């Protein structure tokens, strides 16, 4: 399962792995942007709608056809398996993944955390189904293909609405606008304008030969029957510790092993919720604080008994803790 570092962006085959989502969605009417069914159009048909691809060496593969709101571990494992296979091929220079927008940020972060690829892995998406009168999927896919073959690019990136984001900072911030993603305080890494990539920040790719630990994590990830259960809670006015108590009382088949709390402001937590979380921590549950704020990271506070995790968003913090618990 060793990833080959032969080949680079701008050279070799680009493999397109399709997973469904809005970009492959179909609606009954071309002006219907919300009442569609996701994951209906094949990878080959998606590529056929993108002009200017005839001279690009491409391979298309349908991994799954799904609505990304239903993303789960088996799908992530299938995607990681295909990525490991294709990234190890010397003739493959890059991989593009078509994905639904709802959990794209989580998939991007997971692939970054588990694979840490040297070659470019670019996720793209759409906010309108393929049947829309002015579908945004073909342009986004064309931009992703361009980005994947751009010299110097590496690592896991997201291309949407002419902007490029890194896997750690990308977040969906709008329910229906075409430019639905944001890069937080980092902002966009690059923009794609008139068929060319203009970098705004250095590309966050890993050095060749530095992924030995990541490959060990791949083995652990693919062998997992389930991710360790990590709950995500939010602190708010009039919060209490009832949900924490319920989590501790309900062991079930998979007892909770971690809790991430999205705090107010600088990761502050309502005193009643904090008391319950400290009790959970005393019982061996990993508890981490982040913030529900869209900007800024949690700064260290002297005397705070709940450790912070930053600058990750709450959903990525939950996934990061689950992966850390899986790794032991």
C-alpha atoms as a PDB file:
ATOM      1  CA  UNK A   1       0.000   0.000   0.000  1.00  0.00           C
ATOM      2  CA  UNK A   2       2.965   2.311  -0.445  1.00  0.00           C
ATOM      3  CA  UNK A   3       2.145   5.499  -2.327  1.00  0.00           C
ATOM      4  CA  UNK A   4       4.374   6.123  -5.303  1.00  0.00           C
ATOM      5  CA  UNK A   5       5.787   9.623  -5.632  1.00  0.00           C
ATOM      6  CA  UNK A   6       6.524   9.202  -9.322  1.00  0.00           C
ATOM      7  CA  UNK A   7       4.562  11.533 -11.511  1.00  0.00           C
ATOM      8  CA  UNK A   8       3.442  15.032 -10.588  1.00  0.00           C
ATOM      9  CA  UNK A   9       0.637  17.473 -11.189  1.00  0.00           C
ATOM     10  CA  UNK A  10       0.594  18.439 -14.831  1.00  0.00           C
ATOM     11  CA  UNK A  11       1.656  14.951 -15.936  1.00  0.00           C
ATOM     12  CA  UNK A  12       0.157  11.492 -16.124  1.00  0.00           C
ATOM     13  CA  UNK A  13      -3.384  10.239 -15.880  1.00  0.00           C
ATOM     14  CA  UNK A  14      -6.017  12.016 -13.805  1.00  0.00           C
ATOM     15  CA  UNK A  15      -8.420   9.534 -12.202  1.00  0.00           C
ATOM     16  CA  UNK A  16     -11.936  10.781 -11.474  1.00  0.00           C
ATOM     17  CA  UNK A  17     -13.649   8.989  -8.585  1.00  0.00           C
ATOM     18  CA  UNK A  18     -17.375   9.728  -8.385  1.00  0.00           C
ATOM     19  CA  UNK A  19     -19.426   9.378  -5.213  1.00  0.00           C
ATOM     20  CA  UNK A  20     -22.749  10.939  -6.208  1.00  0.00           C
ATOM     21  CA  UNK A  21     -24.012  14.133  -4.593  1.00  0.00           C
ATOM     22  CA  UNK A  22     -25.775  17.142  -6.074  1.00  0.00           C
ATOM     23  CA  UNK A  23     -23.269  17.343  -8.905  1.00  0.00           C
ATOM     24  CA  UNK A  24     -24.753  14.016 -10.094  1.00  0.00           C
ATOM     25  CA  UNK A  25     -28.309  14.930  -9.093  1.00  0.00           C
ATOM     26  CA  UNK A  26     -31.387  14.931 -11.255  1.00  0.00           C
ATOM     27  CA  UNK A  27     -34.595  16.974 -10.914  1.00  0.00           C
ATOM     28  CA  UNK A  28     -37.839  16.885 -12.911  1.00  0.00           C
ATOM     29  CA  UNK A  29     -37.620  20.558 -13.845  1.00  0.00           C
ATOM     30  CA  UNK A  30     -34.551  22.618 -14.861  1.00  0.00           C
ATOM     31  CA  UNK A  31     -35.447  25.429 -12.444  1.00  0.00           C
ATOM     32  CA  UNK A  32     -35.667  23.061  -9.454  1.00  0.00           C
ATOM     33  CA  UNK A  33     -32.487  23.452  -7.400  1.00  0.00           C
ATOM     34  CA  UNK A  34     -33.661  21.809  -4.179  1.00  0.00           C
ATOM     35  CA  UNK A  35     -36.217  19.090  -5.032  1.00  0.00           C
ATOM     36  CA  UNK A  36     -33.747  16.844  -6.831  1.00  0.00           C
ATOM     37  CA  UNK A  37     -32.465  13.343  -6.148  1.00  0.00           C
ATOM     38  CA  UNK A  38     -28.711  13.241  -5.548  1.00  0.00           C
ATOM     39  CA  UNK A  39     -26.363  10.674  -7.066  1.00  0.00           C
ATOM     40  CA  UNK A  40     -28.175   9.791 -10.301  1.00  0.00           C
ATOM     41  CA  UNK A  41     -25.661  10.548 -13.073  1.00  0.00           C
ATOM     42  CA  UNK A  42     -22.569   8.416 -13.735  1.00  0.00           C
ATOM     43  CA  UNK A  43     -18.975   9.535 -13.624  1.00  0.00           C
ATOM     44  CA  UNK A  44     -18.641   9.071 -17.383  1.00  0.00           C
ATOM     45  CA  UNK A  45     -21.693  11.235 -18.050  1.00  0.00           C
ATOM     46  CA  UNK A  46     -20.407  13.935 -15.704  1.00  0.00           C
ATOM     47  CA  UNK A  47     -17.182  14.101 -17.685  1.00  0.00           C
ATOM     48  CA  UNK A  48     -19.038  14.161 -20.993  1.00  0.00           C
ATOM     49  CA  UNK A  49     -20.668  17.431 -19.904  1.00  0.00           C
ATOM     50  CA  UNK A  50     -17.282  19.100 -19.364  1.00  0.00           C
ATOM     51  CA  UNK A  51     -15.883  20.752 -22.516  1.00  0.00           C
ATOM     52  CA  UNK A  52     -12.203  20.636 -23.351  1.00  0.00           C
ATOM     53  CA  UNK A  53     -11.392  17.246 -21.807  1.00  0.00           C
ATOM     54  CA  UNK A  54     -10.660  15.371 -25.030  1.00  0.00           C
ATOM     55  CA  UNK A  55      -6.897  15.916 -24.841  1.00  0.00           C
ATOM     56  CA  UNK A  56      -6.571  15.103 -21.132  1.00  0.00           C
ATOM     57  CA  UNK A  57      -5.712  11.499 -20.133  1.00  0.00           C
ATOM     58  CA  UNK A  58      -8.609  10.575 -17.842  1.00  0.00           C
ATOM     59  CA  UNK A  59     -10.031   7.516 -16.147  1.00  0.00           C
ATOM     60  CA  UNK A  60     -13.471   7.536 -14.534  1.00  0.00           C
ATOM     61  CA  UNK A  61     -14.654   5.223 -11.766  1.00  0.00           C
ATOM     62  CA  UNK A  62     -17.936   5.159  -9.865  1.00  0.00           C
ATOM     63  CA  UNK A  63     -17.162   4.417  -6.224  1.00  0.00           C
ATOM     64  CA  UNK A  64     -20.720   4.949  -4.916  1.00  0.00           C
ATOM     65  CA  UNK A  65     -23.880   6.851  -5.845  1.00  0.00           C
ATOM     66  CA  UNK A  66     -25.199   8.573  -2.730  1.00  0.00           C
ATOM     67  CA  UNK A  67     -26.396  11.722  -1.034  1.00  0.00           C
ATOM     68  CA  UNK A  68     -23.414  12.862   1.025  1.00  0.00           C
ATOM     69  CA  UNK A  69     -25.600  13.653   4.043  1.00  0.00           C
ATOM     70  CA  UNK A  70     -25.626   9.872   4.550  1.00  0.00           C
ATOM     71  CA  UNK A  71     -21.837   9.499   4.493  1.00  0.00           C
ATOM     72  CA  UNK A  72     -20.605   6.654   6.692  1.00  0.00           C
ATOM     73  CA  UNK A  73     -17.440   4.720   7.474  1.00  0.00           C
ATOM     74  CA  UNK A  74     -17.886   1.951   4.826  1.00  0.00           C
ATOM     75  CA  UNK A  75     -18.070   4.554   2.061  1.00  0.00           C
ATOM     76  CA  UNK A  76     -15.007   6.363   3.386  1.00  0.00           C
ATOM     77  CA  UNK A  77     -13.157   3.045   3.504  1.00  0.00           C
ATOM     78  CA  UNK A  78     -14.124   2.240  -0.076  1.00  0.00           C
ATOM     79  CA  UNK A  79     -12.936   5.671  -1.188  1.00  0.00           C
ATOM     80  CA  UNK A  80      -9.649   5.347   0.691  1.00  0.00           C
ATOM     81  CA  UNK A  81      -9.067   1.904  -0.840  1.00  0.00           C
ATOM     82  CA  UNK A  82      -9.497   3.265  -4.357  1.00  0.00           C
ATOM     83  CA  UNK A  83      -7.278   6.237  -3.616  1.00  0.00           C
ATOM     84  CA  UNK A  84      -4.532   4.025  -2.231  1.00  0.00           C
ATOM     85  CA  UNK A  85      -4.734   1.900  -5.372  1.00  0.00           C
ATOM     86  CA  UNK A  86      -4.632   4.776  -7.848  1.00  0.00           C
ATOM     87  CA  UNK A  87      -2.088   6.944  -6.021  1.00  0.00           C
ATOM     88  CA  UNK A  88       0.325   4.001  -6.011  1.00  0.00           C
ATOM     89  CA  UNK A  89       0.202   3.766  -9.818  1.00  0.00           C
ATOM     90  CA  UNK A  90       3.227   5.576 -11.308  1.00  0.00           C
ATOM     91  CA  UNK A  91       1.257   6.583 -14.388  1.00  0.00           C
ATOM     92  CA  UNK A  92      -1.366   8.416 -12.289  1.00  0.00           C
ATOM     93  CA  UNK A  93      -0.500  12.038 -11.574  1.00  0.00           C
ATOM     94  CA  UNK A  94      -3.626  13.148  -9.709  1.00  0.00           C
ATOM     95  CA  UNK A  95      -7.100  12.188  -8.532  1.00  0.00           C
ATOM     96  CA  UNK A  96     -10.318  14.220  -8.662  1.00  0.00           C
ATOM     97  CA  UNK A  97     -13.286  13.240  -6.469  1.00  0.00           C
ATOM     98  CA  UNK A  98     -16.842  14.374  -7.152  1.00  0.00           C
ATOM     99  CA  UNK A  99     -18.733  14.637  -3.876  1.00  0.00           C
ATOM    100  CA  UNK A 100     -21.879  16.034  -2.304  1.00  0.00           C
ATOM    101  CA  UNK A 101     -21.500  19.357  -0.526  1.00  0.00           C
ATOM    102  CA  UNK A 102     -23.089  18.414   2.815  1.00  0.00           C
ATOM    103  CA  UNK A 103     -20.173  16.387   4.199  1.00  0.00           C
ATOM    104  CA  UNK A 104     -17.466  17.330   1.716  1.00  0.00           C
ATOM    105  CA  UNK A 105     -15.450  19.150   4.377  1.00  0.00           C
ATOM    106  CA  UNK A 106     -15.422  16.044   6.564  1.00  0.00           C
ATOM    107  CA  UNK A 107     -14.355  13.734   3.737  1.00  0.00           C
ATOM    108  CA  UNK A 108     -11.619  16.156   2.685  1.00  0.00           C
ATOM    109  CA  UNK A 109     -10.306  16.348   6.255  1.00  0.00           C
ATOM    110  CA  UNK A 110     -10.421  12.569   6.680  1.00  0.00           C
ATOM    111  CA  UNK A 111      -8.496  11.947   3.448  1.00  0.00           C
ATOM    112  CA  UNK A 112      -5.937  14.547   4.474  1.00  0.00           C
ATOM    113  CA  UNK A 113      -5.558  12.989   7.928  1.00  0.00           C
ATOM    114  CA  UNK A 114      -5.412   9.344   6.871  1.00  0.00           C
ATOM    115  CA  UNK A 115      -3.643   9.466   3.510  1.00  0.00           C
ATOM    116  CA  UNK A 116      -1.576  12.673   3.608  1.00  0.00           C
ATOM    117  CA  UNK A 117      -0.989  12.262  -0.136  1.00  0.00           C
ATOM    118  CA  UNK A 118       1.916  13.757  -2.014  1.00  0.00           C
ATOM    119  CA  UNK A 119       0.030  13.715  -5.303  1.00  0.00           C
ATOM    120  CA  UNK A 120      -2.940  16.071  -5.712  1.00  0.00           C
ATOM    121  CA  UNK A 121      -6.345  14.847  -4.552  1.00  0.00           C
ATOM    122  CA  UNK A 122      -8.968  17.445  -5.486  1.00  0.00           C
ATOM    123  CA  UNK A 123     -12.575  17.253  -4.300  1.00  0.00           C
ATOM    124  CA  UNK A 124     -15.252  19.132  -6.188  1.00  0.00           C
ATOM    125  CA  UNK A 125     -19.020  19.429  -6.043  1.00  0.00           C
ATOM    126  CA  UNK A 126     -22.052  21.427  -7.129  1.00  0.00           C
ATOM    127  CA  UNK A 127     -24.848  23.382  -5.494  1.00  0.00           C
ATOM    128  CA  UNK A 128     -27.233  22.768  -8.381  1.00  0.00           C
ATOM    129  CA  UNK A 129     -28.163  19.392  -9.876  1.00  0.00           C
ATOM    130  CA  UNK A 130     -26.888  18.366 -13.289  1.00  0.00           C
ATOM    131  CA  UNK A 131     -30.351  18.948 -14.759  1.00  0.00           C
ATOM    132  CA  UNK A 132     -30.439  22.645 -13.750  1.00  0.00           C
ATOM    133  CA  UNK A 133     -30.699  25.225 -16.507  1.00  0.00           C
ATOM    134  CA  UNK A 134     -27.401  26.742 -15.352  1.00  0.00           C
ATOM    135  CA  UNK A 135     -25.722  23.824 -13.575  1.00  0.00           C
ATOM    136  CA  UNK A 136     -22.478  24.696 -11.791  1.00  0.00           C
ATOM    137  CA  UNK A 137     -21.111  21.134 -11.754  1.00  0.00           C
ATOM    138  CA  UNK A 138     -19.437  21.126 -15.202  1.00  0.00           C
ATOM    139  CA  UNK A 139     -17.469  24.306 -14.462  1.00  0.00           C
ATOM    140  CA  UNK A 140     -16.459  23.075 -11.009  1.00  0.00           C
ATOM    141  CA  UNK A 141     -15.339  19.737 -12.439  1.00  0.00           C
ATOM    142  CA  UNK A 142     -13.387  21.450 -15.194  1.00  0.00           C
ATOM    143  CA  UNK A 143     -11.705  23.685 -12.588  1.00  0.00           C
ATOM    144  CA  UNK A 144     -10.864  20.645 -10.448  1.00  0.00           C
ATOM    145  CA  UNK A 145      -9.267  18.864 -13.411  1.00  0.00           C
ATOM    146  CA  UNK A 146      -7.256  21.990 -14.188  1.00  0.00           C
ATOM    147  CA  UNK A 147      -6.158  22.356 -10.570  1.00  0.00           C
ATOM    148  CA  UNK A 148      -5.192  18.673 -10.270  1.00  0.00           C
ATOM    149  CA  UNK A 149      -2.776  19.043 -13.188  1.00  0.00           C
ATOM    150  CA  UNK A 150      -1.361  22.417 -12.145  1.00  0.00           C
ATOM    151  CA  UNK A 151       2.430  22.326 -11.520  1.00  0.00           C
ATOM    152  CA  UNK A 152       3.411  22.308  -7.860  1.00  0.00           C
ATOM    153  CA  UNK A 153       0.022  21.288  -6.495  1.00  0.00           C
ATOM    154  CA  UNK A 154      -0.182  18.483  -3.946  1.00  0.00           C
ATOM    155  CA  UNK A 155      -2.208  17.241  -0.997  1.00  0.00           C
ATOM    156  CA  UNK A 156      -5.959  17.289  -0.481  1.00  0.00           C
ATOM    157  CA  UNK A 157      -7.712  20.342  -1.904  1.00  0.00           C
ATOM    158  CA  UNK A 158     -11.269  21.475  -2.630  1.00  0.00           C
ATOM    159  CA  UNK A 159     -12.273  23.366  -5.769  1.00  0.00           C
ATOM    160  CA  UNK A 160     -15.662  25.097  -5.882  1.00  0.00           C
ATOM    161  CA  UNK A 161     -17.001  28.262  -7.539  1.00  0.00           C
ATOM    162  CA  UNK A 162     -13.601  29.328  -8.778  1.00  0.00           C
ATOM    163  CA  UNK A 163     -11.919  29.084  -5.373  1.00  0.00           C
ATOM    164  CA  UNK A 164      -9.485  26.553  -3.940  1.00  0.00           C
ATOM    165  CA  UNK A 165      -9.389  25.595  -0.259  1.00  0.00           C
ATOM    166  CA  UNK A 166      -7.233  23.307   1.869  1.00  0.00           C
ATOM    167  CA  UNK A 167      -8.771  20.284   3.566  1.00  0.00           C
ATOM    168  CA  UNK A 168      -8.181  21.535   7.114  1.00  0.00           C
ATOM    169  CA  UNK A 169      -9.918  24.896   6.756  1.00  0.00           C
ATOM    170  CA  UNK A 170     -12.673  24.376   4.171  1.00  0.00           C
ATOM    171  CA  UNK A 171     -16.207  24.770   5.550  1.00  0.00           C
ATOM    172  CA  UNK A 172     -19.645  24.919   3.995  1.00  0.00           C
ATOM    173  CA  UNK A 173     -21.120  28.269   5.016  1.00  0.00           C
ATOM    174  CA  UNK A 174     -24.219  28.747   2.849  1.00  0.00           C
ATOM    175  CA  UNK A 175     -27.294  26.631   2.217  1.00  0.00           C
ATOM    176  CA  UNK A 176     -27.829  27.349  -1.475  1.00  0.00           C
ATOM    177  CA  UNK A 177     -25.420  29.944  -2.887  1.00  0.00           C
ATOM    178  CA  UNK A 178     -23.029  28.691  -5.571  1.00  0.00           C
ATOM    179  CA  UNK A 179     -19.993  29.905  -3.601  1.00  0.00           C
ATOM    180  CA  UNK A 180     -21.096  27.905  -0.570  1.00  0.00           C
ATOM    181  CA  UNK A 181     -17.616  27.210   0.828  1.00  0.00           C
ATOM    182  CA  UNK A 182     -15.181  29.295   2.821  1.00  0.00           C
ATOM    183  CA  UNK A 183     -11.643  28.900   4.077  1.00  0.00           C
ATOM    184  CA  UNK A 184     -12.021  30.619   7.437  1.00  0.00           C
ATOM    185  CA  UNK A 185      -9.257  32.981   8.457  1.00  0.00           C
ATOM    186  CA  UNK A 186      -6.932  31.283   5.978  1.00  0.00           C
ATOM    187  CA  UNK A 187      -9.243  32.160   3.105  1.00  0.00           C
ATOM    188  CA  UNK A 188      -8.839  30.634  -0.325  1.00  0.00           C
ATOM    189  CA  UNK A 189      -5.486  29.102  -1.258  1.00  0.00           C
ATOM    190  CA  UNK A 190      -5.976  30.068  -4.890  1.00  0.00           C
ATOM    191  CA  UNK A 191      -8.527  31.226  -7.414  1.00  0.00           C
ATOM    192  CA  UNK A 192      -9.227  29.779 -10.846  1.00  0.00           C
ATOM    193  CA  UNK A 193      -9.741  32.541 -13.369  1.00  0.00           C
ATOM    194  CA  UNK A 194     -10.198  32.310 -17.117  1.00  0.00           C
ATOM    195  CA  UNK A 195      -8.771  28.799 -17.282  1.00  0.00           C
ATOM    196  CA  UNK A 196      -5.722  29.416 -15.100  1.00  0.00           C
ATOM    197  CA  UNK A 197      -4.808  28.940 -11.436  1.00  0.00           C
ATOM    198  CA  UNK A 198      -3.616  31.955  -9.448  1.00  0.00           C
ATOM    199  CA  UNK A 199      -2.078  31.019  -6.107  1.00  0.00           C
ATOM    200  CA  UNK A 200      -2.725  33.168  -3.042  1.00  0.00           C
ATOM    201  CA  UNK A 201      -0.889  31.001  -0.487  1.00  0.00           C
ATOM    202  CA  UNK A 202       1.665  28.141  -0.664  1.00  0.00           C
ATOM    203  CA  UNK A 203       0.271  24.698  -1.485  1.00  0.00           C
ATOM    204  CA  UNK A 204      -0.022  22.551   1.687  1.00  0.00           C
ATOM    205  CA  UNK A 205       1.395  19.290   0.338  1.00  0.00           C
ATOM    206  CA  UNK A 206       3.677  16.829   2.096  1.00  0.00           C
ATOM    207  CA  UNK A 207       7.251  16.055   1.170  1.00  0.00           C
ATOM    208  CA  UNK A 208       7.981  12.848  -0.714  1.00  0.00           C
ATOM    209  CA  UNK A 209       8.896   9.988   1.603  1.00  0.00           C
ATOM    210  CA  UNK A 210       7.274  11.561   4.685  1.00  0.00           C
ATOM    211  CA  UNK A 211       4.086   9.489   4.723  1.00  0.00           C
ATOM    212  CA  UNK A 212       5.225   6.330   6.528  1.00  0.00           C
ATOM    213  CA  UNK A 213       3.062   7.072   9.582  1.00  0.00           C
ATOM    214  CA  UNK A 214       0.109   7.945   7.376  1.00  0.00           C
ATOM    215  CA  UNK A 215       0.342   4.569   5.631  1.00  0.00           C
ATOM    216  CA  UNK A 216       0.196   2.810   8.980  1.00  0.00           C
ATOM    217  CA  UNK A 217      -2.944   4.848   9.743  1.00  0.00           C
ATOM    218  CA  UNK A 218      -4.421   3.669   6.439  1.00  0.00           C
ATOM    219  CA  UNK A 219      -4.067   0.037   7.525  1.00  0.00           C
ATOM    220  CA  UNK A 220      -5.754   0.789  10.850  1.00  0.00           C
ATOM    221  CA  UNK A 221      -8.500   2.789   9.190  1.00  0.00           C
ATOM    222  CA  UNK A 222      -9.340   0.122   6.599  1.00  0.00           C
ATOM    223  CA  UNK A 223      -9.383  -2.613   9.255  1.00  0.00           C
ATOM    224  CA  UNK A 224     -11.820  -0.727  11.522  1.00  0.00           C
ATOM    225  CA  UNK A 225     -15.334  -2.092  11.968  1.00  0.00           C
ATOM    226  CA  UNK A 226     -16.444   1.292  13.272  1.00  0.00           C
ATOM    227  CA  UNK A 227     -14.942   4.602  14.268  1.00  0.00           C
ATOM    228  CA  UNK A 228     -14.763   5.161  18.020  1.00  0.00           C
ATOM    229  CA  UNK A 229     -17.947   6.907  19.086  1.00  0.00           C
ATOM    230  CA  UNK A 230     -17.405  10.610  19.637  1.00  0.00           C
ATOM    231  CA  UNK A 231     -20.368  12.836  20.488  1.00  0.00           C
ATOM    232  CA  UNK A 232     -20.604  16.471  19.389  1.00  0.00           C
ATOM    233  CA  UNK A 233     -22.356  18.837  21.800  1.00  0.00           C
ATOM    234  CA  UNK A 234     -22.906  22.594  21.772  1.00  0.00           C
ATOM    235  CA  UNK A 235     -22.748  25.001  24.696  1.00  0.00           C
ATOM    236  CA  UNK A 236     -25.481  27.630  24.721  1.00  0.00           C
ATOM    237  CA  UNK A 237     -27.530  29.768  27.069  1.00  0.00           C
ATOM    238  CA  UNK A 238     -29.346  27.724  29.728  1.00  0.00           C
ATOM    239  CA  UNK A 239     -27.376  24.578  28.849  1.00  0.00           C
ATOM    240  CA  UNK A 240     -27.179  21.667  31.264  1.00  0.00           C
ATOM    241  CA  UNK A 241     -25.447  18.317  31.565  1.00  0.00           C
ATOM    242  CA  UNK A 242     -28.408  16.048  30.803  1.00  0.00           C
ATOM    243  CA  UNK A 243     -27.117  14.956  27.378  1.00  0.00           C
ATOM    244  CA  UNK A 244     -23.730  14.102  28.869  1.00  0.00           C
ATOM    245  CA  UNK A 245     -25.395  12.028  31.587  1.00  0.00           C
ATOM    246  CA  UNK A 246     -27.502  10.242  28.976  1.00  0.00           C
ATOM    247  CA  UNK A 247     -24.426   9.437  26.891  1.00  0.00           C
ATOM    248  CA  UNK A 248     -22.642   7.976  29.902  1.00  0.00           C
ATOM    249  CA  UNK A 249     -25.682   5.968  30.988  1.00  0.00           C
ATOM    250  CA  UNK A 250     -26.355   4.477  27.543  1.00  0.00           C
ATOM    251  CA  UNK A 251     -23.472   2.140  26.786  1.00  0.00           C
ATOM    252  CA  UNK A 252     -25.129   0.234  23.946  1.00  0.00           C
ATOM    253  CA  UNK A 253     -23.045  -1.759  21.498  1.00  0.00           C
ATOM    254  CA  UNK A 254     -20.598   1.108  21.140  1.00  0.00           C
ATOM    255  CA  UNK A 255     -20.171   3.251  24.251  1.00  0.00           C
ATOM    256  CA  UNK A 256     -19.118   6.850  23.851  1.00  0.00           C
ATOM    257  CA  UNK A 257     -15.351   7.295  24.086  1.00  0.00           C
ATOM    258  CA  UNK A 258     -15.050  10.973  23.387  1.00  0.00           C
ATOM    259  CA  UNK A 259     -16.983  14.231  23.487  1.00  0.00           C
ATOM    260  CA  UNK A 260     -16.277  17.398  21.547  1.00  0.00           C
ATOM    261  CA  UNK A 261     -18.045  20.490  22.831  1.00  0.00           C
ATOM    262  CA  UNK A 262     -18.510  23.510  20.578  1.00  0.00           C
ATOM    263  CA  UNK A 263     -18.216  26.278  23.135  1.00  0.00           C
ATOM    264  CA  UNK A 264     -19.267  29.883  23.023  1.00  0.00           C
ATOM    265  CA  UNK A 265     -16.684  32.554  22.213  1.00  0.00           C
ATOM    266  CA  UNK A 266     -13.198  31.396  23.127  1.00  0.00           C
ATOM    267  CA  UNK A 267     -14.357  27.847  23.793  1.00  0.00           C
ATOM    268  CA  UNK A 268     -16.201  28.786  26.979  1.00  0.00           C
ATOM    269  CA  UNK A 269     -18.703  26.247  28.316  1.00  0.00           C
ATOM    270  CA  UNK A 270     -21.822  26.808  30.427  1.00  0.00           C
ATOM    271  CA  UNK A 271     -21.011  25.911  34.034  1.00  0.00           C
ATOM    272  CA  UNK A 272     -23.664  23.173  34.263  1.00  0.00           C
ATOM    273  CA  UNK A 273     -22.482  21.549  31.034  1.00  0.00           C
ATOM    274  CA  UNK A 274     -18.850  21.979  32.097  1.00  0.00           C
ATOM    275  CA  UNK A 275     -19.508  20.171  35.386  1.00  0.00           C
ATOM    276  CA  UNK A 276     -20.979  17.198  33.525  1.00  0.00           C
ATOM    277  CA  UNK A 277     -18.105  17.149  31.039  1.00  0.00           C
ATOM    278  CA  UNK A 278     -15.561  17.159  33.880  1.00  0.00           C
ATOM    279  CA  UNK A 279     -17.375  14.187  35.392  1.00  0.00           C
ATOM    280  CA  UNK A 280     -17.200  12.391  32.038  1.00  0.00           C
ATOM    281  CA  UNK A 281     -13.495  13.224  31.783  1.00  0.00           C
ATOM    282  CA  UNK A 282     -12.931  11.773  35.252  1.00  0.00           C
ATOM    283  CA  UNK A 283     -14.543   8.539  34.032  1.00  0.00           C
ATOM    284  CA  UNK A 284     -12.026   8.229  31.191  1.00  0.00           C
ATOM    285  CA  UNK A 285     -13.958   9.932  28.383  1.00  0.00           C
ATOM    286  CA  UNK A 286     -11.794  12.136  26.151  1.00  0.00           C
ATOM    287  CA  UNK A 287     -13.273  15.643  26.194  1.00  0.00           C
ATOM    288  CA  UNK A 288     -12.095  18.440  23.912  1.00  0.00           C
ATOM    289  CA  UNK A 289     -13.273  22.023  23.485  1.00  0.00           C
ATOM    290  CA  UNK A 290     -13.591  23.968  20.269  1.00  0.00           C
ATOM    291  CA  UNK A 291     -15.739  26.971  19.385  1.00  0.00           C
ATOM    292  CA  UNK A 292     -19.045  27.388  17.604  1.00  0.00           C
ATOM    293  CA  UNK A 293     -17.734  30.694  16.198  1.00  0.00           C
ATOM    294  CA  UNK A 294     -17.041  30.716  12.462  1.00  0.00           C
ATOM    295  CA  UNK A 295     -13.761  32.615  12.853  1.00  0.00           C
ATOM    296  CA  UNK A 296     -10.821  32.360  15.210  1.00  0.00           C
ATOM    297  CA  UNK A 297      -9.290  29.530  17.191  1.00  0.00           C
ATOM    298  CA  UNK A 298      -9.587  28.744  20.876  1.00  0.00           C
ATOM    299  CA  UNK A 299      -6.801  30.409  22.838  1.00  0.00           C
ATOM    300  CA  UNK A 300      -5.391  28.697  25.911  1.00  0.00           C
ATOM    301  CA  UNK A 301      -6.893  29.710  29.253  1.00  0.00           C
ATOM    302  CA  UNK A 302      -4.955  29.291  32.485  1.00  0.00           C
ATOM    303  CA  UNK A 303      -6.744  26.950  34.847  1.00  0.00           C
ATOM    304  CA  UNK A 304      -9.247  25.551  32.357  1.00  0.00           C
ATOM    305  CA  UNK A 305      -9.788  21.872  33.097  1.00  0.00           C
ATOM    306  CA  UNK A 306     -11.131  20.921  29.661  1.00  0.00           C
ATOM    307  CA  UNK A 307      -8.418  20.723  26.970  1.00  0.00           C
ATOM    308  CA  UNK A 308      -8.910  22.589  23.718  1.00  0.00           C
ATOM    309  CA  UNK A 309      -8.573  21.429  20.148  1.00  0.00           C
ATOM    310  CA  UNK A 310      -8.034  24.081  17.524  1.00  0.00           C
ATOM    311  CA  UNK A 311      -8.236  25.547  14.987  1.00  0.00           C
ATOM    312  CA  UNK A 312     -10.541  22.790  13.719  1.00  0.00           C
ATOM    313  CA  UNK A 313     -14.275  23.297  13.259  1.00  0.00           C
ATOM    314  CA  UNK A 314     -16.533  21.236  15.558  1.00  0.00           C
ATOM    315  CA  UNK A 315     -17.307  18.575  12.927  1.00  0.00           C
ATOM    316  CA  UNK A 316     -13.639  18.177  12.017  1.00  0.00           C
ATOM    317  CA  UNK A 317     -12.651  18.148  15.691  1.00  0.00           C
ATOM    318  CA  UNK A 318     -15.090  15.282  16.246  1.00  0.00           C
ATOM    319  CA  UNK A 319     -13.543  13.359  13.360  1.00  0.00           C
ATOM    320  CA  UNK A 320      -9.983  14.151  14.488  1.00  0.00           C
ATOM    321  CA  UNK A 321     -10.710  12.802  17.980  1.00  0.00           C
ATOM    322  CA  UNK A 322     -12.309   9.644  16.545  1.00  0.00           C
ATOM    323  CA  UNK A 323      -9.234   9.009  14.390  1.00  0.00           C
ATOM    324  CA  UNK A 324      -6.920   9.661  17.347  1.00  0.00           C
ATOM    325  CA  UNK A 325      -8.851   7.174  19.467  1.00  0.00           C
ATOM    326  CA  UNK A 326      -8.734   4.643  16.637  1.00  0.00           C
ATOM    327  CA  UNK A 327      -4.962   5.023  16.403  1.00  0.00           C
ATOM    328  CA  UNK A 328      -4.722   4.381  20.138  1.00  0.00           C
END
